[in-house]
Amino acid sequence: MNVDEPVLLHTEGHVLYITLNRPRALNALTHTMVRAVDEALVLAADDDAVTAVVIRGAGGRGLCAGGDIRSIYEDARAGRRASVDFWRDEYRLNARIARFPKPYVALMDGIVMGGGVGVSAHGDVRVVTERSRVAMPETMIGFVPDVGGTHLLAGAPGELGTHLALTGRAVDAADAILCGLADHFVPSHHLADLATALAGSTTPAEVTETVLRYATDPPEGELAAHRAWIDDCYAAETVEEIIDRLADSGLAAAKETADALLTVSPTALKVTLAAVRRAGRLGSLETALDQEFRVSCRAFTGHDLVEGVRARIIDKDRAPRWSPAELRDVTAAEVARHFEPLGDQELGLAST
């Protein structure tokens, strides 16, 4: 094992351990990393000596902060299409994780955002800690939740998923479990012991039993107490009406949310709302990923993704100039354009 590689693989007992190894970049995913994880899973699925897979992040600050946003920005600015190829392989990996025939254990400690959710939350056993911060923050950069995020968020109770999709806010362990993004809480100081103990597991039942030996109740979250206004406000048909309901609710937390949404890309908000609601009707992860690929390809050639990354990551001025700048100027036709078929460039997961 070369400790300088961006993905470290090693087998102990009956378990394949996959470690994302770019700690200085919070283990942000590159195309090379996606391919390495995918190849490892293909081999592990057919290896009778491997009974489970554990994925974790190096460095102690997080499993994965998402895709390499800076490279996507540079790719879009240069008019290249490497990011589209990256998404194609990344979304295929997300589907492979969900279909993986053996227990797939994700240690979701620390930062788990965007692509980090994609390599963890589709697994069988998803473990969070008191340090976990789980989010699909795409709207903050003028993008739309992907990596199966629309499918996951559409399945959250009530309108919690819509709230998280539009705001991009991170949740803690309890709220990740509440929203269906995680399963078990394990205090971070037990995580290394849990990882070691899993090496002795030879069956899916033993994997679950091992995790449960270390699992306990998480500290109380925040979302459950806000369910009433979240469910009421986000049940509205349009983004404009959602914001109006939030602003007029008389609740400080709702009003703050309305104000925050007004700073986000209007196009990203409208496309995200449509994407999550469509994903809820589509049903399967594969059909949602096919839809997300269409949306991502269209967003890649738009204005707001490049501008959002510039404002948040490159120049860090936090002053994006969205186009259109107002919700009223984002037409239904523009939203619908994001979902149009790609012809022979379709991802095609639902048909495989």
Protein backbone atom coordinates (compact mmCIF):
# COMPACT_ATOMS: atom_id res chain seq x y z
CA MET A 1 0.00 0.00 0.00
CA ASN A 2 1.44 3.35 -1.11
CA VAL A 3 0.49 5.85 1.61
CA ASP A 4 0.80 8.70 -0.90
CA GLU A 5 -2.03 7.40 -3.08
CA PRO A 6 -5.34 9.34 -2.92
CA VAL A 7 -7.21 6.12 -2.13
CA LEU A 8 -5.70 3.57 0.24
CA LEU A 9 -6.84 -0.06 0.13
CA HIS A 10 -6.06 -2.75 2.61
CA THR A 11 -7.71 -5.95 3.75
CA GLU A 12 -7.77 -7.00 7.38
CA GLY A 13 -9.55 -10.17 8.38
CA HIS A 14 -12.56 -10.38 6.09
CA VAL A 15 -12.98 -6.65 5.49
CA LEU A 16 -11.71 -4.38 2.72
CA TYR A 17 -10.90 -0.93 4.11
CA ILE A 18 -11.10 1.96 1.66
CA THR A 19 -9.54 5.19 2.94
CA LEU A 20 -9.97 8.44 1.05
CA ASN A 21 -6.55 10.00 1.39
CA ARG A 22 -6.48 13.70 0.51
CA PRO A 23 -6.66 15.11 4.04
CA ARG A 24 -5.43 18.60 3.10
CA ALA A 25 -8.40 18.87 0.71
CA LEU A 26 -10.80 17.26 3.21
CA ASN A 27 -10.61 14.18 0.99
CA ALA A 28 -12.41 15.90 -1.90
CA LEU A 29 -13.02 13.46 -4.72
CA THR A 30 -11.05 13.50 -7.94
CA HIS A 31 -11.80 11.41 -11.01
CA THR A 32 -8.86 9.18 -10.15
CA MET A 33 -10.32 8.53 -6.70
CA VAL A 34 -13.76 7.70 -8.08
CA ARG A 35 -12.27 5.18 -10.49
CA ALA A 36 -10.10 3.64 -7.76
CA VAL A 37 -13.05 3.14 -5.40
CA ASP A 38 -15.21 1.77 -8.20
CA GLU A 39 -12.54 -0.71 -9.27
CA ALA A 40 -12.02 -1.82 -5.66
CA LEU A 41 -15.74 -2.51 -5.27
CA VAL A 42 -15.90 -4.48 -8.52
CA LEU A 43 -13.09 -6.73 -7.30
CA ALA A 44 -14.46 -7.01 -3.75
CA ALA A 45 -17.89 -8.05 -4.97
CA ASP A 46 -16.39 -11.15 -6.60
CA ASP A 47 -13.84 -11.91 -3.86
CA ASP A 48 -15.17 -14.61 -1.52
CA ALA A 49 -12.53 -13.66 1.05
CA VAL A 50 -14.09 -10.20 1.44
CA THR A 51 -17.34 -10.18 3.41
CA ALA A 52 -17.70 -6.42 3.96
CA VAL A 53 -16.30 -3.05 2.94
CA VAL A 54 -15.56 -0.08 5.21
CA ILE A 55 -15.03 3.40 3.77
CA ARG A 56 -13.48 6.19 5.83
CA GLY A 57 -11.52 9.41 5.45
CA ALA A 58 -7.93 10.21 6.36
CA GLY A 59 -6.89 13.15 8.49
CA GLY A 60 -9.55 13.18 11.19
CA ARG A 61 -11.52 16.16 9.80
CA GLY A 62 -14.01 14.41 7.59
CA LEU A 63 -14.90 11.53 5.33
CA CYS A 64 -15.15 13.72 2.23
CA ALA A 65 -16.01 17.35 1.53
CA GLY A 66 -17.42 16.56 -1.92
CA GLY A 67 -16.12 16.78 -5.45
CA ASP A 68 -13.09 18.83 -6.38
CA ILE A 69 -15.02 22.07 -6.99
CA ARG A 70 -12.00 24.07 -8.06
CA SER A 71 -11.27 21.66 -10.91
CA ILE A 72 -14.91 21.84 -12.05
CA TYR A 73 -14.63 25.64 -12.09
CA GLU A 74 -11.43 25.56 -14.12
CA ASP A 75 -12.89 22.99 -16.50
CA ALA A 76 -16.02 25.06 -17.13
CA ARG A 77 -14.04 28.27 -17.60
CA ALA A 78 -11.83 26.60 -20.18
CA GLY A 79 -14.77 25.12 -22.08
CA ARG A 80 -13.65 21.55 -21.43
CA ARG A 81 -15.92 18.60 -20.61
CA ALA A 82 -13.84 16.62 -18.13
CA SER A 83 -16.33 17.36 -15.35
CA VAL A 84 -19.10 15.67 -17.31
CA ASP A 85 -16.94 12.53 -17.59
CA PHE A 86 -16.24 12.77 -13.85
CA TRP A 87 -19.95 12.96 -13.01
CA ARG A 88 -20.72 10.04 -15.30
CA ASP A 89 -18.30 7.79 -13.41
CA GLU A 90 -19.18 9.26 -10.01
CA TYR A 91 -22.91 8.62 -10.41
CA ARG A 92 -22.20 5.09 -11.62
CA LEU A 93 -20.16 4.59 -8.45
CA ASN A 94 -23.08 5.87 -6.35
CA ALA A 95 -25.34 3.28 -7.97
CA ARG A 96 -22.75 0.53 -7.47
CA ILE A 97 -22.56 1.32 -3.75
CA ALA A 98 -26.34 1.05 -3.44
CA ARG A 99 -26.34 -2.27 -5.31
CA PHE A 100 -23.23 -3.68 -3.60
CA PRO A 101 -23.97 -7.28 -2.60
CA LYS A 102 -22.05 -7.21 0.69
CA PRO A 103 -22.29 -4.94 3.75
CA TYR A 104 -20.91 -1.50 2.92
CA VAL A 105 -20.09 0.42 6.09
CA ALA A 106 -19.55 4.19 5.86
CA LEU A 107 -17.81 5.95 8.75
CA MET A 108 -19.29 9.44 8.28
CA ASP A 109 -17.14 11.24 10.82
CA GLY A 110 -16.56 14.99 10.45
CA ILE A 111 -17.37 16.75 7.18
CA VAL A 112 -19.53 14.71 4.80
CA MET A 113 -20.82 16.89 1.98
CA GLY A 114 -21.88 16.57 -1.65
CA GLY A 115 -19.87 13.74 -3.18
CA GLY A 116 -19.06 12.58 0.35
CA VAL A 117 -22.74 11.85 0.83
CA GLY A 118 -22.68 9.97 -2.47
CA VAL A 119 -19.97 7.54 -1.32
CA SER A 120 -21.56 6.98 2.09
CA ALA A 121 -25.31 7.50 2.36
CA HIS A 122 -26.19 4.87 -0.26
CA GLY A 123 -24.46 2.20 1.85
CA ASP A 124 -26.00 -0.43 4.10
CA VAL A 125 -24.57 0.74 7.42
CA ARG A 126 -23.98 4.46 7.87
CA VAL A 127 -22.29 5.62 11.05
CA VAL A 128 -22.18 9.23 12.26
CA THR A 129 -20.45 10.81 15.26
CA GLU A 130 -20.78 13.97 17.34
CA ARG A 131 -18.39 15.61 14.85
CA SER A 132 -20.47 14.78 11.77
CA ARG A 133 -21.73 17.59 9.58
CA VAL A 134 -23.70 16.16 6.69
CA ALA A 135 -24.93 18.34 3.84
CA MET A 136 -25.85 18.69 0.20
CA PRO A 137 -24.71 22.33 -0.16
CA GLU A 138 -24.89 22.62 -3.94
CA THR A 139 -27.33 25.54 -4.16
CA MET A 140 -24.77 27.69 -2.34
CA ILE A 141 -22.56 27.53 -5.44
CA GLY A 142 -25.33 27.81 -8.03
CA PHE A 143 -25.56 24.05 -8.54
CA VAL A 144 -28.20 21.39 -7.79
CA PRO A 145 -27.95 18.39 -5.42
CA ASP A 146 -26.55 15.34 -7.22
CA VAL A 147 -24.84 12.00 -6.40
CA GLY A 148 -28.30 10.61 -5.63
CA GLY A 149 -28.93 13.42 -3.18
CA THR A 150 -32.30 14.29 -4.68
CA HIS A 151 -33.40 10.68 -4.17
CA LEU A 152 -32.23 10.66 -0.56
CA LEU A 153 -33.73 14.03 0.30
CA ALA A 154 -37.04 13.21 -1.39
CA GLY A 155 -37.32 10.28 1.03
CA ALA A 156 -36.81 12.35 4.19
CA PRO A 157 -39.82 12.79 6.50
CA GLY A 158 -42.26 15.54 5.56
CA GLU A 159 -40.53 18.47 3.90
CA LEU A 160 -37.21 18.14 5.71
CA GLY A 161 -35.48 17.04 2.53
CA THR A 162 -36.81 20.02 0.60
CA HIS A 163 -35.55 22.32 3.36
CA LEU A 164 -32.06 20.80 3.28
CA ALA A 165 -31.94 20.73 -0.53
CA LEU A 166 -32.83 24.39 -0.97
CA THR A 167 -30.80 25.80 1.93
CA GLY A 168 -27.80 23.47 1.65
CA ARG A 169 -27.54 23.47 5.43
CA ALA A 170 -25.47 20.87 7.27
CA VAL A 171 -27.05 18.61 9.86
CA ASP A 172 -25.61 16.87 12.88
CA ALA A 173 -25.76 13.17 13.74
CA ALA A 174 -29.30 13.09 15.13
CA ASP A 175 -30.74 15.04 12.23
CA ALA A 176 -28.82 12.96 9.66
CA ILE A 177 -30.45 9.86 11.17
CA LEU A 178 -33.86 11.57 11.26
CA CYS A 179 -33.58 12.48 7.57
CA GLY A 180 -32.51 8.98 6.51
CA LEU A 181 -28.95 9.95 5.65
CA ALA A 182 -27.40 7.80 8.41
CA ASP A 183 -28.30 4.87 10.66
CA HIS A 184 -26.21 4.75 13.82
CA PHE A 185 -24.41 7.11 16.19
CA VAL A 186 -21.01 6.08 17.53
CA PRO A 187 -18.92 8.50 19.63
CA SER A 188 -15.81 9.46 17.70
CA HIS A 189 -13.47 8.11 20.36
CA HIS A 190 -14.86 4.61 19.67
CA LEU A 191 -14.57 4.85 15.89
CA ALA A 192 -11.08 3.34 15.60
CA ASP A 193 -12.09 0.42 17.84
CA LEU A 194 -15.21 -0.13 15.75
CA ALA A 195 -13.20 -0.16 12.53
CA THR A 196 -10.81 -2.73 14.00
CA ALA A 197 -13.62 -4.87 15.39
CA LEU A 198 -15.35 -5.04 12.01
CA ALA A 199 -12.41 -7.03 10.65
CA GLY A 200 -13.73 -10.06 12.50
CA SER A 201 -17.17 -9.94 10.92
CA THR A 202 -17.91 -12.76 8.50
CA THR A 203 -21.64 -12.25 7.86
CA PRO A 204 -23.96 -9.28 7.40
CA ALA A 205 -25.52 -10.06 10.78
CA GLU A 206 -22.12 -9.92 12.45
CA VAL A 207 -21.39 -6.56 10.83
CA THR A 208 -24.62 -5.15 12.23
CA GLU A 209 -24.03 -6.70 15.65
CA THR A 210 -20.53 -5.22 15.79
CA VAL A 211 -21.78 -1.72 14.97
CA LEU A 212 -24.58 -2.00 17.51
CA ARG A 213 -22.07 -2.86 20.26
CA TYR A 214 -20.54 0.59 19.83
CA ALA A 215 -23.68 2.54 18.93
CA THR A 216 -25.60 4.73 21.35
CA ASP A 217 -28.17 7.52 21.25
CA PRO A 218 -26.93 10.73 19.60
CA PRO A 219 -27.15 14.16 21.23
CA GLU A 220 -30.47 15.84 20.49
CA GLY A 221 -30.78 17.44 17.06
CA GLU A 222 -32.59 20.58 15.93
CA LEU A 223 -34.85 19.64 13.04
CA ALA A 224 -37.50 17.71 14.96
CA ALA A 225 -38.45 20.84 16.89
CA HIS A 226 -38.87 22.77 13.62
CA ARG A 227 -40.93 20.17 11.74
CA ALA A 228 -44.20 22.12 11.98
CA TRP A 229 -43.05 25.26 10.16
CA ILE A 230 -40.77 23.37 7.80
CA ASP A 231 -43.55 21.04 6.69
CA ASP A 232 -46.01 23.90 6.30
CA CYS A 233 -43.78 26.36 4.48
CA TYR A 234 -42.05 23.93 2.12
CA ALA A 235 -45.31 22.30 1.08
CA ALA A 236 -45.91 25.32 -1.16
CA GLU A 237 -45.88 24.82 -4.92
CA THR A 238 -43.19 27.35 -5.85
CA VAL A 239 -39.96 28.73 -4.44
CA GLU A 240 -41.54 32.18 -4.30
CA GLU A 241 -44.42 30.89 -2.19
CA ILE A 242 -42.08 28.93 0.05
CA ILE A 243 -40.09 32.10 0.77
CA ASP A 244 -43.27 34.09 1.37
CA ARG A 245 -44.54 31.50 3.85
CA LEU A 246 -41.20 31.48 5.65
CA ALA A 247 -41.09 35.26 5.84
CA ASP A 248 -44.69 35.55 7.03
CA SER A 249 -44.61 32.72 9.58
CA GLY A 250 -43.79 34.98 12.51
CA LEU A 251 -40.94 32.66 13.55
CA ALA A 252 -37.39 33.96 13.71
CA ALA A 253 -35.82 30.74 12.41
CA ALA A 254 -38.17 30.69 9.42
CA LYS A 255 -37.58 34.35 8.65
CA GLU A 256 -33.81 33.81 8.79
CA THR A 257 -34.22 30.92 6.36
CA ALA A 258 -36.21 33.13 3.97
CA ASP A 259 -33.49 35.76 4.07
CA ALA A 260 -30.83 33.13 3.41
CA LEU A 261 -32.70 31.70 0.43
CA LEU A 262 -32.88 35.15 -1.13
CA THR A 263 -29.07 35.15 -1.39
CA VAL A 264 -28.97 31.83 -3.29
CA SER A 265 -28.98 31.38 -7.06
CA PRO A 266 -32.60 31.78 -8.20
CA THR A 267 -32.06 29.28 -11.00
CA ALA A 268 -30.52 26.72 -8.65
CA LEU A 269 -33.43 27.09 -6.22
CA LYS A 270 -36.09 26.54 -8.85
CA VAL A 271 -34.31 23.63 -10.51
CA THR A 272 -33.56 22.03 -7.13
CA LEU A 273 -37.19 22.19 -6.02
CA ALA A 274 -38.27 20.58 -9.29
CA ALA A 275 -35.51 17.95 -9.07
CA VAL A 276 -36.37 16.82 -5.54
CA ARG A 277 -40.08 16.62 -6.27
CA ARG A 278 -39.48 14.74 -9.51
CA ALA A 279 -37.11 12.35 -7.70
CA GLY A 280 -39.84 11.55 -5.19
CA ARG A 281 -42.08 10.45 -8.05
CA LEU A 282 -39.35 8.58 -9.92
CA GLY A 283 -38.84 6.19 -7.03
CA SER A 284 -35.52 4.47 -7.79
CA LEU A 285 -32.01 5.76 -7.20
CA GLU A 286 -31.02 4.91 -10.76
CA THR A 287 -33.74 7.01 -12.36
CA ALA A 288 -32.88 9.88 -10.01
CA LEU A 289 -29.20 9.65 -10.98
CA ASP A 290 -30.14 9.69 -14.66
CA GLN A 291 -32.14 12.86 -14.00
CA GLU A 292 -29.33 14.43 -11.97
CA PHE A 293 -26.89 13.80 -14.80
CA ARG A 294 -29.10 15.75 -17.19
CA VAL A 295 -29.39 18.59 -14.70
CA SER A 296 -25.67 18.65 -13.94
CA CYS A 297 -24.73 18.74 -17.62
CA ARG A 298 -27.06 21.67 -18.20
CA ALA A 299 -25.87 23.52 -15.09
CA PHE A 300 -22.27 23.01 -16.17
CA THR A 301 -22.84 25.13 -19.27
CA GLY A 302 -24.82 27.80 -17.40
CA HIS A 303 -23.68 30.98 -15.69
CA ASP A 304 -24.40 30.42 -12.02
CA LEU A 305 -22.19 27.39 -11.24
CA VAL A 306 -19.03 29.16 -12.38
CA GLU A 307 -20.07 32.36 -10.64
CA GLY A 308 -21.01 30.57 -7.43
CA VAL A 309 -17.69 28.77 -7.21
CA ARG A 310 -15.86 31.99 -7.98
CA ALA A 311 -17.61 33.87 -5.17
CA ARG A 312 -17.35 31.14 -2.57
CA ILE A 313 -14.14 29.23 -3.38
CA ILE A 314 -11.91 31.23 -5.74
CA ASP A 315 -12.23 34.92 -4.82
CA LYS A 316 -14.11 34.23 -1.55
CA ASP A 317 -15.90 37.56 -1.71
CA ARG A 318 -19.28 35.89 -0.96
CA ALA A 319 -20.89 38.30 -3.43
CA PRO A 320 -22.10 36.20 -6.38
CA ARG A 321 -23.75 37.97 -9.31
CA TRP A 322 -26.46 35.50 -10.26
CA SER A 323 -28.07 35.59 -13.69
CA PRO A 324 -31.01 35.90 -13.61
CA ALA A 325 -30.74 37.75 -10.32
CA GLU A 326 -34.42 37.49 -9.38
CA LEU A 327 -36.68 34.47 -8.94
CA ARG A 328 -39.38 36.05 -11.08
CA ASP A 329 -37.01 36.08 -14.05
CA VAL A 330 -36.33 32.33 -13.97
CA THR A 331 -38.90 30.99 -16.41
CA ALA A 332 -40.63 27.63 -16.35
CA ALA A 333 -39.05 26.92 -19.73
CA GLU A 334 -35.56 27.49 -18.31
CA VAL A 335 -36.25 25.10 -15.45
CA ALA A 336 -37.68 22.48 -17.82
CA ARG A 337 -34.60 22.75 -20.05
CA HIS A 338 -32.47 21.25 -17.29
CA PHE A 339 -34.47 18.01 -17.43
CA GLU A 340 -34.51 17.48 -21.19
CA PRO A 341 -33.00 14.20 -22.46
CA LEU A 342 -29.39 14.18 -23.57
CA GLY A 343 -29.83 11.82 -26.49
CA ASP A 344 -26.88 9.47 -26.92
CA GLN A 345 -25.13 11.17 -23.98
CA GLU A 346 -27.63 9.87 -21.40
CA LEU A 347 -26.24 8.22 -18.27
CA GLY A 348 -28.68 5.33 -18.73
CA LEU A 349 -28.45 3.71 -15.30
CA ALA A 350 -32.17 2.96 -15.14
CA SER A 351 -31.91 0.80 -18.26
CA THR A 352 -29.00 -1.36 -17.00
